[in-house]
């Protein structure tokens, strides 16, 4: 079972729990391993926009060492994309660009084995152990999430959130702003749309998450009642880390650097 504080992440959400995730796009299992040491609530692999392929995805799951639940934002809503993520050992999927209840229903169906869905059996990790136990465990604990990130999706939020078997609706704030025509400026229409999705999820009794750019925003959104937020993403952490290091180096006055002992030149003989 994919454990989160003694329960699966799916169970945690069904009990009204919250979690903060680290989001990864750079395709590096090594970064996943380093981040796992920080013990985040969950890790999300972005297979839609990130630099991940099947092998790096398999290695990313291994890099967590089973210590952190790993979810995959799939390439698309196809059965193949969903199956690939789950066969690799992911604790669940988050499927992008869902705009209708029927699309959400097909997502749930693709993530569950018969008789609850149409997922095909396979994958190296599932077949390496007790596959019958894996199937039962997966149907009970695999988290199935969808993303609402367009005007059309917001309009259908209540119907989408009401789909049986759906565990999470995640608001894709960036694409939503583009869809609304408000990107990149702040606009009250964007927040109104987010609140409409949150209200629809609360009415349906399903968890609602929202993409957040950093830890401070994640904490604020969690306080508003969102069940999932994004605490950090690898692009930002790496880019800002390098930028801050270079800025700190440049902040040292030239005079201070010039006072350092100079290396002696080797004397030729």
Protein backbone atom coordinates (compact mmCIF):
# COMPACT_ATOMS: atom_id res chain seq x y z
CA UNK A 1 0.00 0.00 0.00
CA UNK A 2 1.16 3.54 -0.74
CA UNK A 3 1.42 4.90 2.78
CA UNK A 4 0.84 8.45 4.02
CA UNK A 5 0.98 8.72 7.81
CA UNK A 6 -0.12 5.09 8.13
CA UNK A 7 -2.83 5.34 5.48
CA UNK A 8 -2.89 5.53 1.71
CA UNK A 9 -2.97 9.02 0.26
CA UNK A 10 -6.42 8.25 -1.08
CA UNK A 11 -7.69 7.34 2.39
CA UNK A 12 -6.11 10.50 3.77
CA UNK A 13 -8.04 12.65 1.29
CA UNK A 14 -11.31 10.80 1.88
CA UNK A 15 -10.94 11.63 5.56
CA UNK A 16 -10.67 15.33 4.73
CA UNK A 17 -6.88 15.45 5.02
CA UNK A 18 -4.53 17.91 3.35
CA UNK A 19 -1.11 17.47 1.80
CA UNK A 20 1.61 19.55 0.22
CA UNK A 21 3.51 18.21 -2.78
CA UNK A 22 6.88 18.77 -4.42
CA UNK A 23 6.41 19.11 -8.20
CA UNK A 24 9.03 17.78 -10.65
CA UNK A 25 9.51 18.64 -14.31
CA UNK A 26 13.26 18.31 -14.98
CA UNK A 27 13.27 14.54 -15.49
CA UNK A 28 15.90 13.85 -12.82
CA UNK A 29 15.46 10.86 -10.48
CA UNK A 30 18.51 12.18 -8.59
CA UNK A 31 16.57 15.32 -7.67
CA UNK A 32 13.67 13.11 -6.54
CA UNK A 33 16.05 11.23 -4.25
CA UNK A 34 17.42 14.46 -2.76
CA UNK A 35 13.91 15.85 -2.27
CA UNK A 36 12.72 12.64 -0.60
CA UNK A 37 15.18 13.31 2.22
CA UNK A 38 13.09 16.40 3.07
CA UNK A 39 10.11 14.05 3.63
CA UNK A 40 7.44 15.92 1.66
CA UNK A 41 3.84 14.77 1.98
CA UNK A 42 3.88 13.71 -1.67
CA UNK A 43 5.80 14.04 -4.94
CA UNK A 44 4.23 14.83 -8.31
CA UNK A 45 5.91 13.91 -11.60
CA UNK A 46 4.82 16.21 -14.43
CA UNK A 47 4.74 13.90 -17.44
CA UNK A 48 2.65 16.36 -19.46
CA UNK A 49 5.13 19.24 -19.67
CA UNK A 50 8.20 17.78 -17.97
CA UNK A 51 11.25 15.93 -19.32
CA UNK A 52 10.14 12.46 -18.23
CA UNK A 53 10.14 9.24 -20.25
CA UNK A 54 9.19 5.69 -19.23
CA UNK A 55 12.64 4.78 -17.90
CA UNK A 56 13.17 7.98 -15.91
CA UNK A 57 9.66 7.59 -14.47
CA UNK A 58 10.45 4.05 -13.31
CA UNK A 59 13.71 5.32 -11.77
CA UNK A 60 11.92 8.22 -10.07
CA UNK A 61 9.56 5.81 -8.31
CA UNK A 62 12.57 3.79 -7.17
CA UNK A 63 14.33 6.95 -5.97
CA UNK A 64 11.63 7.58 -3.37
CA UNK A 65 12.47 4.26 -1.71
CA UNK A 66 8.80 3.86 -0.85
CA UNK A 67 9.11 6.71 1.68
CA UNK A 68 6.91 9.25 -0.11
CA UNK A 69 3.73 8.74 -2.17
CA UNK A 70 4.38 9.62 -5.82
CA UNK A 71 1.68 10.86 -8.18
CA UNK A 72 1.95 11.41 -11.92
CA UNK A 73 0.37 14.26 -13.85
CA UNK A 74 -0.10 12.22 -17.02
CA UNK A 75 0.72 13.27 -20.56
CA UNK A 76 -2.99 13.22 -21.40
CA UNK A 77 -6.22 11.42 -20.53
CA UNK A 78 -5.54 8.34 -22.66
CA UNK A 79 -5.69 4.85 -21.17
CA UNK A 80 -2.08 4.31 -22.19
CA UNK A 81 -0.80 7.37 -20.35
CA UNK A 82 -2.71 6.45 -17.19
CA UNK A 83 -1.63 2.80 -17.34
CA UNK A 84 2.03 3.73 -17.88
CA UNK A 85 2.09 5.89 -14.75
CA UNK A 86 0.40 3.30 -12.57
CA UNK A 87 2.41 0.36 -13.93
CA UNK A 88 5.57 2.25 -12.94
CA UNK A 89 4.39 2.15 -9.33
CA UNK A 90 2.75 5.56 -8.88
CA UNK A 91 0.30 5.95 -6.02
CA UNK A 92 -2.08 7.74 -8.33
CA UNK A 93 -2.61 9.94 -11.36
CA UNK A 94 -3.69 13.51 -11.98
CA UNK A 95 -5.08 13.85 -15.49
CA UNK A 96 -4.91 17.26 -17.20
CA UNK A 97 -7.43 19.33 -19.16
CA UNK A 98 -10.66 17.65 -18.07
CA UNK A 99 -13.72 19.62 -19.21
CA UNK A 100 -16.68 17.24 -18.86
CA UNK A 101 -18.06 14.67 -16.47
CA UNK A 102 -17.72 12.01 -19.18
CA UNK A 103 -14.01 12.70 -19.51
CA UNK A 104 -13.67 12.42 -15.74
CA UNK A 105 -15.64 9.17 -15.71
CA UNK A 106 -13.36 7.67 -18.37
CA UNK A 107 -10.34 8.73 -16.31
CA UNK A 108 -11.60 6.88 -13.25
CA UNK A 109 -12.43 3.84 -15.37
CA UNK A 110 -8.93 3.77 -16.90
CA UNK A 111 -7.27 3.83 -13.47
CA UNK A 112 -9.19 0.87 -11.98
CA UNK A 113 -8.98 -2.84 -12.73
CA UNK A 114 -12.16 -4.76 -13.63
CA UNK A 115 -14.84 -4.97 -12.40
CA UNK A 116 -14.43 -1.34 -11.29
CA UNK A 117 -12.75 -0.17 -14.48
CA UNK A 118 -10.88 -1.22 -17.61
CA UNK A 119 -7.21 -0.95 -16.60
CA UNK A 120 -5.01 -3.59 -18.21
CA UNK A 121 -2.85 -5.76 -15.98
CA UNK A 122 0.92 -5.52 -16.40
CA UNK A 123 4.03 -3.57 -15.51
CA UNK A 124 7.35 -4.79 -14.15
CA UNK A 125 6.75 -3.80 -10.53
CA UNK A 126 3.19 -5.15 -10.31
CA UNK A 127 4.15 -8.50 -11.86
CA UNK A 128 7.31 -8.91 -9.78
CA UNK A 129 5.32 -9.70 -6.63
CA UNK A 130 1.89 -11.02 -5.68
CA UNK A 131 -0.12 -9.64 -8.58
CA UNK A 132 -3.50 -10.66 -7.15
CA UNK A 133 -2.73 -8.70 -3.98
CA UNK A 134 -1.51 -5.78 -6.07
CA UNK A 135 -4.76 -5.63 -8.04
CA UNK A 136 -6.88 -5.58 -4.89
CA UNK A 137 -4.64 -2.99 -3.25
CA UNK A 138 -4.56 -0.79 -6.35
CA UNK A 139 -8.34 -0.73 -6.74
CA UNK A 140 -8.73 0.25 -3.10
CA UNK A 141 -5.93 2.80 -2.80
CA UNK A 142 -4.97 4.28 -6.17
CA UNK A 143 -5.72 7.99 -6.12
CA UNK A 144 -7.50 9.33 -9.19
CA UNK A 145 -7.39 13.06 -9.77
CA UNK A 146 -8.33 15.35 -12.64
CA UNK A 147 -7.36 18.90 -13.47
CA UNK A 148 -9.79 21.72 -14.19
CA UNK A 149 -7.84 24.42 -16.00
CA UNK A 150 -10.13 25.98 -18.59
CA UNK A 151 -13.26 28.10 -18.69
CA UNK A 152 -15.17 25.08 -20.03
CA UNK A 153 -13.94 22.95 -17.13
CA UNK A 154 -15.01 25.53 -14.55
CA UNK A 155 -18.49 25.65 -16.11
CA UNK A 156 -18.77 21.87 -15.63
CA UNK A 157 -17.08 21.77 -12.20
CA UNK A 158 -20.12 20.47 -10.31
CA UNK A 159 -20.72 17.65 -12.78
CA UNK A 160 -17.03 16.73 -12.87
CA UNK A 161 -16.67 16.72 -9.08
CA UNK A 162 -19.74 14.49 -8.75
CA UNK A 163 -18.26 11.62 -10.79
CA UNK A 164 -18.23 8.45 -8.71
CA UNK A 165 -14.77 7.22 -7.81
CA UNK A 166 -13.04 10.55 -8.35
CA UNK A 167 -10.74 11.46 -5.45
CA UNK A 168 -9.32 14.88 -6.31
CA UNK A 169 -9.91 17.90 -8.51
CA UNK A 170 -6.79 20.03 -9.00
CA UNK A 171 -7.09 23.57 -10.31
CA UNK A 172 -4.41 24.36 -12.89
CA UNK A 173 -4.03 28.06 -12.15
CA UNK A 174 -1.70 28.94 -15.03
CA UNK A 175 -3.74 27.43 -17.85
CA UNK A 176 -6.92 28.72 -16.22
CA UNK A 177 -5.56 32.27 -16.38
CA UNK A 178 -4.65 31.78 -20.04
CA UNK A 179 -8.11 30.36 -20.78
CA UNK A 180 -9.77 33.30 -19.03
CA UNK A 181 -7.62 35.75 -20.96
CA UNK A 182 -6.26 37.23 -17.74
CA UNK A 183 -2.67 35.96 -17.96
CA UNK A 184 -0.25 37.29 -16.77
CA UNK A 185 -1.97 40.11 -14.87
CA UNK A 186 -3.93 39.50 -11.66
CA UNK A 187 -7.66 39.59 -12.23
CA UNK A 188 -10.61 38.96 -9.88
CA UNK A 189 -12.20 36.67 -12.46
CA UNK A 190 -9.41 34.16 -11.88
CA UNK A 191 -10.03 33.96 -8.15
CA UNK A 192 -13.79 33.77 -8.74
CA UNK A 193 -13.23 30.75 -10.99
CA UNK A 194 -11.02 29.07 -8.38
CA UNK A 195 -13.62 29.64 -5.69
CA UNK A 196 -16.33 28.22 -7.96
CA UNK A 197 -14.36 24.99 -8.38
CA UNK A 198 -13.64 24.79 -4.64
CA UNK A 199 -17.35 25.26 -3.87
CA UNK A 200 -18.31 22.57 -6.41
CA UNK A 201 -15.90 20.12 -4.81
CA UNK A 202 -17.17 20.85 -1.32
CA UNK A 203 -20.74 20.30 -2.50
CA UNK A 204 -19.79 16.95 -4.03
CA UNK A 205 -17.66 15.91 -1.05
CA UNK A 206 -14.50 15.48 -3.12
CA UNK A 207 -11.05 16.87 -2.34
CA UNK A 208 -9.95 20.04 -4.14
CA UNK A 209 -6.37 21.08 -4.81
CA UNK A 210 -4.77 24.11 -6.40
CA UNK A 211 -1.41 24.63 -8.07
CA UNK A 212 0.65 27.10 -6.04
CA UNK A 213 4.03 28.62 -7.00
CA UNK A 214 5.81 28.42 -3.66
CA UNK A 215 5.53 27.40 0.00
CA UNK A 216 4.01 30.65 1.24
CA UNK A 217 1.19 30.51 -1.30
CA UNK A 218 0.69 26.81 -0.54
CA UNK A 219 0.25 27.56 3.16
CA UNK A 220 -2.27 30.33 2.42
CA UNK A 221 -4.32 28.11 0.12
CA UNK A 222 -4.27 25.25 2.61
CA UNK A 223 -5.65 27.65 5.23
CA UNK A 224 -8.49 28.43 2.79
CA UNK A 225 -9.43 24.75 2.78
CA UNK A 226 -7.71 23.33 -0.29
CA UNK A 227 -6.71 19.72 0.26
CA UNK A 228 -3.66 19.73 -2.03
CA UNK A 229 -1.14 22.48 -2.68
CA UNK A 230 2.30 22.62 -4.30
CA UNK A 231 5.02 23.54 -1.80
CA UNK A 232 7.91 23.69 -4.28
CA UNK A 233 8.78 22.83 -7.87
CA UNK A 234 12.16 21.69 -9.12
CA UNK A 235 12.55 24.34 -11.85
CA UNK A 236 12.12 27.14 -9.33
CA UNK A 237 14.27 25.51 -6.62
CA UNK A 238 17.18 24.87 -8.99
CA UNK A 239 16.98 28.17 -10.89
CA UNK A 240 16.64 30.28 -7.75
CA UNK A 241 19.33 28.31 -5.96
CA UNK A 242 21.86 29.04 -8.69
CA UNK A 243 20.74 32.65 -9.03
CA UNK A 244 20.99 33.28 -5.28
CA UNK A 245 24.43 31.68 -5.10
CA UNK A 246 25.74 33.84 -7.93
CA UNK A 247 24.17 36.96 -6.42
CA UNK A 248 25.79 36.22 -3.06
CA UNK A 249 29.17 35.78 -4.75
CA UNK A 250 28.84 39.05 -6.63
CA UNK A 251 27.77 40.84 -3.45
CA UNK A 252 31.25 40.35 -1.98
CA UNK A 253 33.13 43.62 -2.71
CA UNK A 254 36.00 43.37 -5.18
CA UNK A 255 38.27 44.92 -2.55
CA UNK A 256 37.54 42.08 -0.12
CA UNK A 257 38.34 39.47 -2.77
CA UNK A 258 41.56 41.25 -3.73
CA UNK A 259 42.81 40.95 -0.14
CA UNK A 260 42.84 37.18 -0.34
CA UNK A 261 46.30 35.58 -0.64
CA UNK A 262 47.30 35.13 -4.25
CA UNK A 263 48.47 31.76 -5.47
CA UNK A 264 52.18 31.58 -6.08
CA UNK A 265 53.28 30.88 -9.59
CA UNK A 266 55.41 27.85 -10.16
CA UNK A 267 59.04 28.71 -10.92
CA UNK A 268 60.47 27.12 -14.00
CA UNK A 269 63.86 25.53 -13.72
